């Protein structure tokens, strides 16, 4: 694990199971060079995101731990921010209120439907239409200029929901927008432990990112200590097989490249 990063991690403050310190100590034991916390922040009230009133608590805890563990591991301050079309100003205000190193933009809602936790509406529309609705929101998110990384790009497949027809063009159109707006895509290894049992995005999409010269980073989407850097060996093997030689690191919303 020497030299690797994990930028997608959740603590007790959102829907994780461990404290920041517990996760830091596990990351050190794994030999990670750098980690970033990215608790859920959502402008809609949901039980899996940090309460807005607790944002200063999150900042205080992370900043204190950054200093305390500085000689053992680099700690970055991120958030996973839900994107809602038409709510860009509200989202921007929250982001600008925090001293962040990076912002992961994620889509968990189609209109009022939280498709990431609520399976009840699958089947209401053809899966092709669900994919179209989802990826159009991702494209709007990428155009917003609010985010650094696109979180789990094809999470719409989480519950083994797959399109009826080939959606390669929709994916390619989305990657074009991501590239034009200079975003990073994370190789989120957490999808391997979801019903889809696949990286998010899929290896095929990761390969397309490489061919489109879209920068990549790697993350575990850990919600407890045992998930930190999960499936990293397979992920690094995939990246190297595709031809990826470096991944993104963040500091104060700026990025540098790290050789793998």
C-alpha atoms as a PDB file:
ATOM      1  CA  UNK A   1       0.000   0.000   0.000  1.00  0.00           C
ATOM      2  CA  UNK A   2       3.020   2.295   0.241  1.00  0.00           C
ATOM      3  CA  UNK A   3       2.432   5.406  -1.830  1.00  0.00           C
ATOM      4  CA  UNK A   4      -1.312   4.911  -2.312  1.00  0.00           C
ATOM      5  CA  UNK A   5      -4.251   7.110  -1.323  1.00  0.00           C
ATOM      6  CA  UNK A   6      -7.854   6.581  -0.272  1.00  0.00           C
ATOM      7  CA  UNK A   7     -10.021   9.662  -0.714  1.00  0.00           C
ATOM      8  CA  UNK A   8     -13.529   8.304  -0.168  1.00  0.00           C
ATOM      9  CA  UNK A   9     -14.148   7.456   3.485  1.00  0.00           C
ATOM     10  CA  UNK A  10     -17.099   7.981   5.821  1.00  0.00           C
ATOM     11  CA  UNK A  11     -17.109   8.382   9.602  1.00  0.00           C
ATOM     12  CA  UNK A  12     -19.658   8.269  12.395  1.00  0.00           C
ATOM     13  CA  UNK A  13     -20.598  11.841  11.516  1.00  0.00           C
ATOM     14  CA  UNK A  14     -22.444  10.612   8.433  1.00  0.00           C
ATOM     15  CA  UNK A  15     -23.170   6.934   7.763  1.00  0.00           C
ATOM     16  CA  UNK A  16     -19.860   5.373   8.768  1.00  0.00           C
ATOM     17  CA  UNK A  17     -19.271   3.057  11.708  1.00  0.00           C
ATOM     18  CA  UNK A  18     -15.978   4.396  13.084  1.00  0.00           C
ATOM     19  CA  UNK A  19     -14.387   7.610  14.280  1.00  0.00           C
ATOM     20  CA  UNK A  20     -11.855   9.520  12.213  1.00  0.00           C
ATOM     21  CA  UNK A  21      -9.079   8.462  14.545  1.00  0.00           C
ATOM     22  CA  UNK A  22      -9.960   4.788  14.282  1.00  0.00           C
ATOM     23  CA  UNK A  23      -9.881   5.034  10.504  1.00  0.00           C
ATOM     24  CA  UNK A  24      -6.610   6.938  10.513  1.00  0.00           C
ATOM     25  CA  UNK A  25      -4.906   4.303  12.651  1.00  0.00           C
ATOM     26  CA  UNK A  26      -6.136   1.554  10.332  1.00  0.00           C
ATOM     27  CA  UNK A  27      -4.888   3.453   7.269  1.00  0.00           C
ATOM     28  CA  UNK A  28      -1.472   3.846   8.897  1.00  0.00           C
ATOM     29  CA  UNK A  29      -1.351   0.125   9.653  1.00  0.00           C
ATOM     30  CA  UNK A  30      -2.094  -0.583   5.982  1.00  0.00           C
ATOM     31  CA  UNK A  31       0.775   1.631   4.866  1.00  0.00           C
ATOM     32  CA  UNK A  32      -1.301   4.226   3.030  1.00  0.00           C
ATOM     33  CA  UNK A  33       0.550   7.439   2.287  1.00  0.00           C
ATOM     34  CA  UNK A  34      -2.479   9.716   2.195  1.00  0.00           C
ATOM     35  CA  UNK A  35      -6.168   9.543   3.053  1.00  0.00           C
ATOM     36  CA  UNK A  36      -9.093  11.871   2.748  1.00  0.00           C
ATOM     37  CA  UNK A  37     -12.344  11.939   4.651  1.00  0.00           C
ATOM     38  CA  UNK A  38     -15.469  12.598   2.620  1.00  0.00           C
ATOM     39  CA  UNK A  39     -18.530  12.383   4.819  1.00  0.00           C
ATOM     40  CA  UNK A  40     -21.874  12.804   3.082  1.00  0.00           C
ATOM     41  CA  UNK A  41     -23.165  16.353   2.884  1.00  0.00           C
ATOM     42  CA  UNK A  42     -26.647  16.840   1.461  1.00  0.00           C
ATOM     43  CA  UNK A  43     -28.779  19.959   1.246  1.00  0.00           C
ATOM     44  CA  UNK A  44     -31.832  17.725   1.672  1.00  0.00           C
ATOM     45  CA  UNK A  45     -32.382  16.291   5.152  1.00  0.00           C
ATOM     46  CA  UNK A  46     -31.405  12.625   5.001  1.00  0.00           C
ATOM     47  CA  UNK A  47     -30.334  10.334   7.791  1.00  0.00           C
ATOM     48  CA  UNK A  48     -27.127   9.200   6.042  1.00  0.00           C
ATOM     49  CA  UNK A  49     -25.550  12.661   5.770  1.00  0.00           C
ATOM     50  CA  UNK A  50     -23.935  14.894   8.359  1.00  0.00           C
ATOM     51  CA  UNK A  51     -26.265  17.447   9.925  1.00  0.00           C
ATOM     52  CA  UNK A  52     -25.532  20.969   8.770  1.00  0.00           C
ATOM     53  CA  UNK A  53     -25.196  22.033  12.401  1.00  0.00           C
ATOM     54  CA  UNK A  54     -22.330  19.535  12.764  1.00  0.00           C
ATOM     55  CA  UNK A  55     -20.213  20.873   9.881  1.00  0.00           C
ATOM     56  CA  UNK A  56     -18.022  22.933  12.278  1.00  0.00           C
ATOM     57  CA  UNK A  57     -17.527  19.782  14.402  1.00  0.00           C
ATOM     58  CA  UNK A  58     -16.343  17.902  11.326  1.00  0.00           C
ATOM     59  CA  UNK A  59     -13.912  20.690  10.440  1.00  0.00           C
ATOM     60  CA  UNK A  60     -12.539  20.924  13.960  1.00  0.00           C
ATOM     61  CA  UNK A  61     -11.995  17.178  14.283  1.00  0.00           C
ATOM     62  CA  UNK A  62     -10.294  16.749  10.924  1.00  0.00           C
ATOM     63  CA  UNK A  63      -8.014  19.749  11.353  1.00  0.00           C
ATOM     64  CA  UNK A  64      -6.917  18.580  14.808  1.00  0.00           C
ATOM     65  CA  UNK A  65      -6.181  15.084  13.524  1.00  0.00           C
ATOM     66  CA  UNK A  66      -4.335  16.428  10.470  1.00  0.00           C
ATOM     67  CA  UNK A  67      -1.839  18.061  12.812  1.00  0.00           C
ATOM     68  CA  UNK A  68      -1.659  15.231  15.336  1.00  0.00           C
ATOM     69  CA  UNK A  69      -0.879  12.536  12.772  1.00  0.00           C
ATOM     70  CA  UNK A  70       1.129  14.681  10.350  1.00  0.00           C
ATOM     71  CA  UNK A  71       4.349  12.735  10.968  1.00  0.00           C
ATOM     72  CA  UNK A  72       2.643   9.394  10.183  1.00  0.00           C
ATOM     73  CA  UNK A  73       0.156  10.033   7.359  1.00  0.00           C
ATOM     74  CA  UNK A  74      -1.164  12.903   5.239  1.00  0.00           C
ATOM     75  CA  UNK A  75      -4.828  13.614   5.922  1.00  0.00           C
ATOM     76  CA  UNK A  76      -6.989  15.555   3.475  1.00  0.00           C
ATOM     77  CA  UNK A  77     -10.364  17.138   4.132  1.00  0.00           C
ATOM     78  CA  UNK A  78     -13.031  16.327   1.593  1.00  0.00           C
ATOM     79  CA  UNK A  79     -16.778  15.879   1.417  1.00  0.00           C
ATOM     80  CA  UNK A  80     -19.094  13.808  -0.730  1.00  0.00           C
ATOM     81  CA  UNK A  81     -21.659  16.369  -1.809  1.00  0.00           C
ATOM     82  CA  UNK A  82     -24.971  15.415  -3.356  1.00  0.00           C
ATOM     83  CA  UNK A  83     -25.817  17.259  -6.537  1.00  0.00           C
ATOM     84  CA  UNK A  84     -29.330  18.512  -7.274  1.00  0.00           C
ATOM     85  CA  UNK A  85     -30.086  20.359 -10.529  1.00  0.00           C
ATOM     86  CA  UNK A  86     -31.170  23.929  -9.856  1.00  0.00           C
ATOM     87  CA  UNK A  87     -29.644  23.958  -6.358  1.00  0.00           C
ATOM     88  CA  UNK A  88     -26.155  25.000  -7.415  1.00  0.00           C
ATOM     89  CA  UNK A  89     -26.089  28.202  -5.338  1.00  0.00           C
ATOM     90  CA  UNK A  90     -27.057  26.383  -2.131  1.00  0.00           C
ATOM     91  CA  UNK A  91     -24.465  23.689  -2.778  1.00  0.00           C
ATOM     92  CA  UNK A  92     -21.800  26.286  -3.557  1.00  0.00           C
ATOM     93  CA  UNK A  93     -22.481  28.115  -0.280  1.00  0.00           C
ATOM     94  CA  UNK A  94     -21.913  24.941   1.715  1.00  0.00           C
ATOM     95  CA  UNK A  95     -18.728  24.058  -0.166  1.00  0.00           C
ATOM     96  CA  UNK A  96     -17.310  27.566   0.191  1.00  0.00           C
ATOM     97  CA  UNK A  97     -17.943  27.536   3.944  1.00  0.00           C
ATOM     98  CA  UNK A  98     -15.443  24.708   4.491  1.00  0.00           C
ATOM     99  CA  UNK A  99     -11.613  24.613   4.128  1.00  0.00           C
ATOM    100  CA  UNK A 100     -11.673  21.651   1.756  1.00  0.00           C
ATOM    101  CA  UNK A 101      -8.950  19.848  -0.134  1.00  0.00           C
ATOM    102  CA  UNK A 102     -11.421  18.316  -2.592  1.00  0.00           C
ATOM    103  CA  UNK A 103     -15.124  17.787  -3.248  1.00  0.00           C
ATOM    104  CA  UNK A 104     -16.606  14.551  -4.550  1.00  0.00           C
ATOM    105  CA  UNK A 105     -19.784  15.191  -6.507  1.00  0.00           C
ATOM    106  CA  UNK A 106     -22.281  12.351  -6.387  1.00  0.00           C
ATOM    107  CA  UNK A 107     -25.780  11.734  -7.691  1.00  0.00           C
ATOM    108  CA  UNK A 108     -27.991   9.660  -5.404  1.00  0.00           C
ATOM    109  CA  UNK A 109     -31.346  11.187  -6.410  1.00  0.00           C
ATOM    110  CA  UNK A 110     -33.417  11.300  -9.565  1.00  0.00           C
ATOM    111  CA  UNK A 111     -35.899  14.053  -8.706  1.00  0.00           C
ATOM    112  CA  UNK A 112     -37.163  12.992  -5.254  1.00  0.00           C
ATOM    113  CA  UNK A 113     -36.251   9.330  -5.662  1.00  0.00           C
ATOM    114  CA  UNK A 114     -33.157   8.214  -3.735  1.00  0.00           C
ATOM    115  CA  UNK A 115     -32.388   5.314  -6.039  1.00  0.00           C
ATOM    116  CA  UNK A 116     -29.280   4.423  -4.020  1.00  0.00           C
ATOM    117  CA  UNK A 117     -31.311   3.168  -1.038  1.00  0.00           C
ATOM    118  CA  UNK A 118     -34.899   2.899  -2.297  1.00  0.00           C
ATOM    119  CA  UNK A 119     -35.459   0.030  -4.746  1.00  0.00           C
ATOM    120  CA  UNK A 120     -39.237   0.522  -4.929  1.00  0.00           C
ATOM    121  CA  UNK A 121     -39.305   2.539  -8.163  1.00  0.00           C
ATOM    122  CA  UNK A 122     -37.088   0.292 -10.232  1.00  0.00           C
ATOM    123  CA  UNK A 123     -39.349  -1.142 -12.927  1.00  0.00           C
ATOM    124  CA  UNK A 124     -41.507   1.991 -13.168  1.00  0.00           C
ATOM    125  CA  UNK A 125     -39.516   3.002 -16.242  1.00  0.00           C
ATOM    126  CA  UNK A 126     -37.441   0.963 -18.674  1.00  0.00           C
ATOM    127  CA  UNK A 127     -33.876   0.688 -17.415  1.00  0.00           C
ATOM    128  CA  UNK A 128     -32.710   2.536 -20.517  1.00  0.00           C
ATOM    129  CA  UNK A 129     -34.777   5.520 -19.373  1.00  0.00           C
ATOM    130  CA  UNK A 130     -33.428   5.290 -15.822  1.00  0.00           C
ATOM    131  CA  UNK A 131     -29.878   5.353 -17.207  1.00  0.00           C
ATOM    132  CA  UNK A 132     -30.709   8.348 -19.386  1.00  0.00           C
ATOM    133  CA  UNK A 133     -32.180  10.271 -16.443  1.00  0.00           C
ATOM    134  CA  UNK A 134     -29.233   9.424 -14.210  1.00  0.00           C
ATOM    135  CA  UNK A 135     -26.437  10.229 -16.633  1.00  0.00           C
ATOM    136  CA  UNK A 136     -28.078  13.471 -17.727  1.00  0.00           C
ATOM    137  CA  UNK A 137     -27.943  14.605 -14.088  1.00  0.00           C
ATOM    138  CA  UNK A 138     -24.281  13.532 -13.919  1.00  0.00           C
ATOM    139  CA  UNK A 139     -23.613  15.666 -16.987  1.00  0.00           C
ATOM    140  CA  UNK A 140     -25.311  18.653 -15.347  1.00  0.00           C
ATOM    141  CA  UNK A 141     -23.230  18.048 -12.235  1.00  0.00           C
ATOM    142  CA  UNK A 142     -20.032  18.020 -14.270  1.00  0.00           C
ATOM    143  CA  UNK A 143     -21.005  21.295 -15.966  1.00  0.00           C
ATOM    144  CA  UNK A 144     -21.733  23.012 -12.629  1.00  0.00           C
ATOM    145  CA  UNK A 145     -18.083  23.729 -11.839  1.00  0.00           C
ATOM    146  CA  UNK A 146     -18.642  22.865  -8.192  1.00  0.00           C
ATOM    147  CA  UNK A 147     -16.800  19.562  -7.903  1.00  0.00           C
ATOM    148  CA  UNK A 148     -13.357  18.021  -8.251  1.00  0.00           C
ATOM    149  CA  UNK A 149     -14.139  14.311  -8.526  1.00  0.00           C
ATOM    150  CA  UNK A 150     -17.099  12.404  -9.937  1.00  0.00           C
ATOM    151  CA  UNK A 151     -18.133   9.842  -7.333  1.00  0.00           C
ATOM    152  CA  UNK A 152     -18.950   6.225  -8.297  1.00  0.00           C
ATOM    153  CA  UNK A 153     -19.818   7.224 -11.847  1.00  0.00           C
ATOM    154  CA  UNK A 154     -22.113   4.312 -12.730  1.00  0.00           C
ATOM    155  CA  UNK A 155     -23.669   3.748  -9.301  1.00  0.00           C
ATOM    156  CA  UNK A 156     -27.056   3.420 -11.018  1.00  0.00           C
ATOM    157  CA  UNK A 157     -26.137  -0.254 -11.574  1.00  0.00           C
ATOM    158  CA  UNK A 158     -25.780  -0.849  -7.802  1.00  0.00           C
ATOM    159  CA  UNK A 159     -28.746  -3.218  -7.481  1.00  0.00           C
ATOM    160  CA  UNK A 160     -27.839  -5.049 -10.708  1.00  0.00           C
ATOM    161  CA  UNK A 161     -29.924  -2.647 -12.753  1.00  0.00           C
ATOM    162  CA  UNK A 162     -28.640  -2.814 -16.317  1.00  0.00           C
ATOM    163  CA  UNK A 163     -29.934  -1.164 -19.493  1.00  0.00           C
ATOM    164  CA  UNK A 164     -31.948  -3.125 -22.016  1.00  0.00           C
ATOM    165  CA  UNK A 165     -29.858  -1.820 -24.913  1.00  0.00           C
ATOM    166  CA  UNK A 166     -26.274  -0.703 -25.433  1.00  0.00           C
ATOM    167  CA  UNK A 167     -25.731   2.644 -23.685  1.00  0.00           C
ATOM    168  CA  UNK A 168     -22.134   3.157 -24.839  1.00  0.00           C
ATOM    169  CA  UNK A 169     -23.008   6.445 -26.550  1.00  0.00           C
ATOM    170  CA  UNK A 170     -24.650   7.819 -23.392  1.00  0.00           C
ATOM    171  CA  UNK A 171     -21.534   6.926 -21.389  1.00  0.00           C
ATOM    172  CA  UNK A 172     -19.255   8.424 -24.035  1.00  0.00           C
ATOM    173  CA  UNK A 173     -21.300  11.645 -24.080  1.00  0.00           C
ATOM    174  CA  UNK A 174     -21.015  11.820 -20.281  1.00  0.00           C
ATOM    175  CA  UNK A 175     -17.256  11.254 -20.366  1.00  0.00           C
ATOM    176  CA  UNK A 176     -16.931  14.010 -22.965  1.00  0.00           C
ATOM    177  CA  UNK A 177     -18.674  16.449 -20.600  1.00  0.00           C
ATOM    178  CA  UNK A 178     -16.487  15.293 -17.695  1.00  0.00           C
ATOM    179  CA  UNK A 179     -13.359  15.828 -19.793  1.00  0.00           C
ATOM    180  CA  UNK A 180     -14.497  19.248 -21.062  1.00  0.00           C
ATOM    181  CA  UNK A 181     -15.072  20.372 -17.472  1.00  0.00           C
ATOM    182  CA  UNK A 182     -11.737  19.024 -16.197  1.00  0.00           C
ATOM    183  CA  UNK A 183     -13.049  16.642 -13.560  1.00  0.00           C
ATOM    184  CA  UNK A 184     -11.413  13.573 -12.076  1.00  0.00           C
ATOM    185  CA  UNK A 185     -13.121  10.170 -12.014  1.00  0.00           C
ATOM    186  CA  UNK A 186     -12.594   7.910  -9.020  1.00  0.00           C
ATOM    187  CA  UNK A 187     -12.092   4.198  -9.365  1.00  0.00           C
ATOM    188  CA  UNK A 188     -14.376   3.324  -6.464  1.00  0.00           C
ATOM    189  CA  UNK A 189     -13.580  -0.177  -5.259  1.00  0.00           C
ATOM    190  CA  UNK A 190     -16.585  -0.301  -2.921  1.00  0.00           C
ATOM    191  CA  UNK A 191     -18.820  -1.466  -5.745  1.00  0.00           C
ATOM    192  CA  UNK A 192     -17.222  -4.886  -5.486  1.00  0.00           C
ATOM    193  CA  UNK A 193     -19.113  -5.380  -2.207  1.00  0.00           C
ATOM    194  CA  UNK A 194     -22.433  -4.101  -3.504  1.00  0.00           C
ATOM    195  CA  UNK A 195     -24.998  -6.268  -5.323  1.00  0.00           C
ATOM    196  CA  UNK A 196     -23.433  -5.344  -8.683  1.00  0.00           C
ATOM    197  CA  UNK A 197     -20.085  -6.842  -7.552  1.00  0.00           C
ATOM    198  CA  UNK A 198     -18.147  -4.528  -9.851  1.00  0.00           C
ATOM    199  CA  UNK A 199     -15.919  -1.496  -9.628  1.00  0.00           C
ATOM    200  CA  UNK A 200     -17.780   1.784  -9.982  1.00  0.00           C
ATOM    201  CA  UNK A 201     -17.287   2.740 -12.676  1.00  0.00           C
ATOM    202  CA  UNK A 202     -16.784  -0.534 -14.503  1.00  0.00           C
ATOM    203  CA  UNK A 203     -13.407  -1.521 -15.957  1.00  0.00           C
ATOM    204  CA  UNK A 204     -14.776  -0.711 -19.425  1.00  0.00           C
ATOM    205  CA  UNK A 205     -15.572   2.859 -18.356  1.00  0.00           C
ATOM    206  CA  UNK A 206     -12.221   3.205 -16.581  1.00  0.00           C
ATOM    207  CA  UNK A 207     -10.556   2.213 -19.842  1.00  0.00           C
ATOM    208  CA  UNK A 208     -12.625   4.814 -21.710  1.00  0.00           C
ATOM    209  CA  UNK A 209     -11.548   7.440 -19.155  1.00  0.00           C
ATOM    210  CA  UNK A 210      -7.939   6.558 -19.906  1.00  0.00           C
ATOM    211  CA  UNK A 211      -8.462   6.900 -23.643  1.00  0.00           C
ATOM    212  CA  UNK A 212     -10.209  10.250 -23.112  1.00  0.00           C
ATOM    213  CA  UNK A 213      -7.275  11.416 -20.937  1.00  0.00           C
ATOM    214  CA  UNK A 214      -9.558  11.894 -17.940  1.00  0.00           C
ATOM    215  CA  UNK A 215      -7.518  11.886 -14.701  1.00  0.00           C
ATOM    216  CA  UNK A 216      -8.289   9.110 -12.257  1.00  0.00           C
ATOM    217  CA  UNK A 217      -7.939   8.567  -8.553  1.00  0.00           C
ATOM    218  CA  UNK A 218      -8.644   5.519  -6.401  1.00  0.00           C
ATOM    219  CA  UNK A 219     -10.902   5.134  -3.374  1.00  0.00           C
ATOM    220  CA  UNK A 220     -12.600   2.483  -1.284  1.00  0.00           C
ATOM    221  CA  UNK A 221     -15.824   4.232  -0.205  1.00  0.00           C
ATOM    222  CA  UNK A 222     -15.065   2.837   3.245  1.00  0.00           C
ATOM    223  CA  UNK A 223     -17.792   3.033   5.878  1.00  0.00           C
ATOM    224  CA  UNK A 224     -15.800   1.112   8.506  1.00  0.00           C
ATOM    225  CA  UNK A 225     -12.169   0.356   9.219  1.00  0.00           C
ATOM    226  CA  UNK A 226     -12.233  -3.054   7.551  1.00  0.00           C
ATOM    227  CA  UNK A 227     -13.188  -1.490   4.221  1.00  0.00           C
ATOM    228  CA  UNK A 228     -10.263   0.930   3.897  1.00  0.00           C
ATOM    229  CA  UNK A 229      -8.298   0.271   0.694  1.00  0.00           C
ATOM    230  CA  UNK A 230     -10.467  -2.776  -0.028  1.00  0.00           C
ATOM    231  CA  UNK A 231      -9.828  -4.531  -3.345  1.00  0.00           C
ATOM    232  CA  UNK A 232      -6.884  -2.220  -4.051  1.00  0.00           C
ATOM    233  CA  UNK A 233      -4.641  -4.954  -5.446  1.00  0.00           C
ATOM    234  CA  UNK A 234      -7.199  -5.744  -8.154  1.00  0.00           C
ATOM    235  CA  UNK A 235      -7.797  -2.060  -8.833  1.00  0.00           C
ATOM    236  CA  UNK A 236      -4.118  -1.256  -9.268  1.00  0.00           C
ATOM    237  CA  UNK A 237      -3.698  -4.308 -11.476  1.00  0.00           C
ATOM    238  CA  UNK A 238      -6.572  -3.045 -13.646  1.00  0.00           C
ATOM    239  CA  UNK A 239      -5.141   0.467 -13.901  1.00  0.00           C
ATOM    240  CA  UNK A 240      -1.713  -0.785 -14.875  1.00  0.00           C
ATOM    241  CA  UNK A 241      -3.147  -3.226 -17.412  1.00  0.00           C
ATOM    242  CA  UNK A 242      -5.057  -0.377 -19.062  1.00  0.00           C
ATOM    243  CA  UNK A 243      -1.922   1.766 -19.126  1.00  0.00           C
ATOM    244  CA  UNK A 244      -2.601   4.191 -16.273  1.00  0.00           C
ATOM    245  CA  UNK A 245       0.703   5.256 -14.712  1.00  0.00           C
ATOM    246  CA  UNK A 246      -0.421   7.920 -12.242  1.00  0.00           C
ATOM    247  CA  UNK A 247      -3.396   8.919 -10.126  1.00  0.00           C
ATOM    248  CA  UNK A 248      -4.571  12.213  -8.665  1.00  0.00           C
ATOM    249  CA  UNK A 249      -3.700  13.626  -5.242  1.00  0.00           C
ATOM    250  CA  UNK A 250      -5.413  16.697  -3.784  1.00  0.00           C
ATOM    251  CA  UNK A 251      -4.522  19.654  -1.590  1.00  0.00           C
ATOM    252  CA  UNK A 252      -6.612  22.816  -1.195  1.00  0.00           C
ATOM    253  CA  UNK A 253      -8.675  22.044  -4.325  1.00  0.00           C
ATOM    254  CA  UNK A 254      -5.485  21.673  -6.372  1.00  0.00           C
ATOM    255  CA  UNK A 255      -4.266  18.380  -7.747  1.00  0.00           C
ATOM    256  CA  UNK A 256      -0.918  16.742  -8.385  1.00  0.00           C
ATOM    257  CA  UNK A 257      -0.130  13.358  -9.890  1.00  0.00           C
ATOM    258  CA  UNK A 258       1.206  10.323  -8.050  1.00  0.00           C
ATOM    259  CA  UNK A 259       2.888   7.453  -9.881  1.00  0.00           C
ATOM    260  CA  UNK A 260       1.520   4.003  -9.116  1.00  0.00           C
END
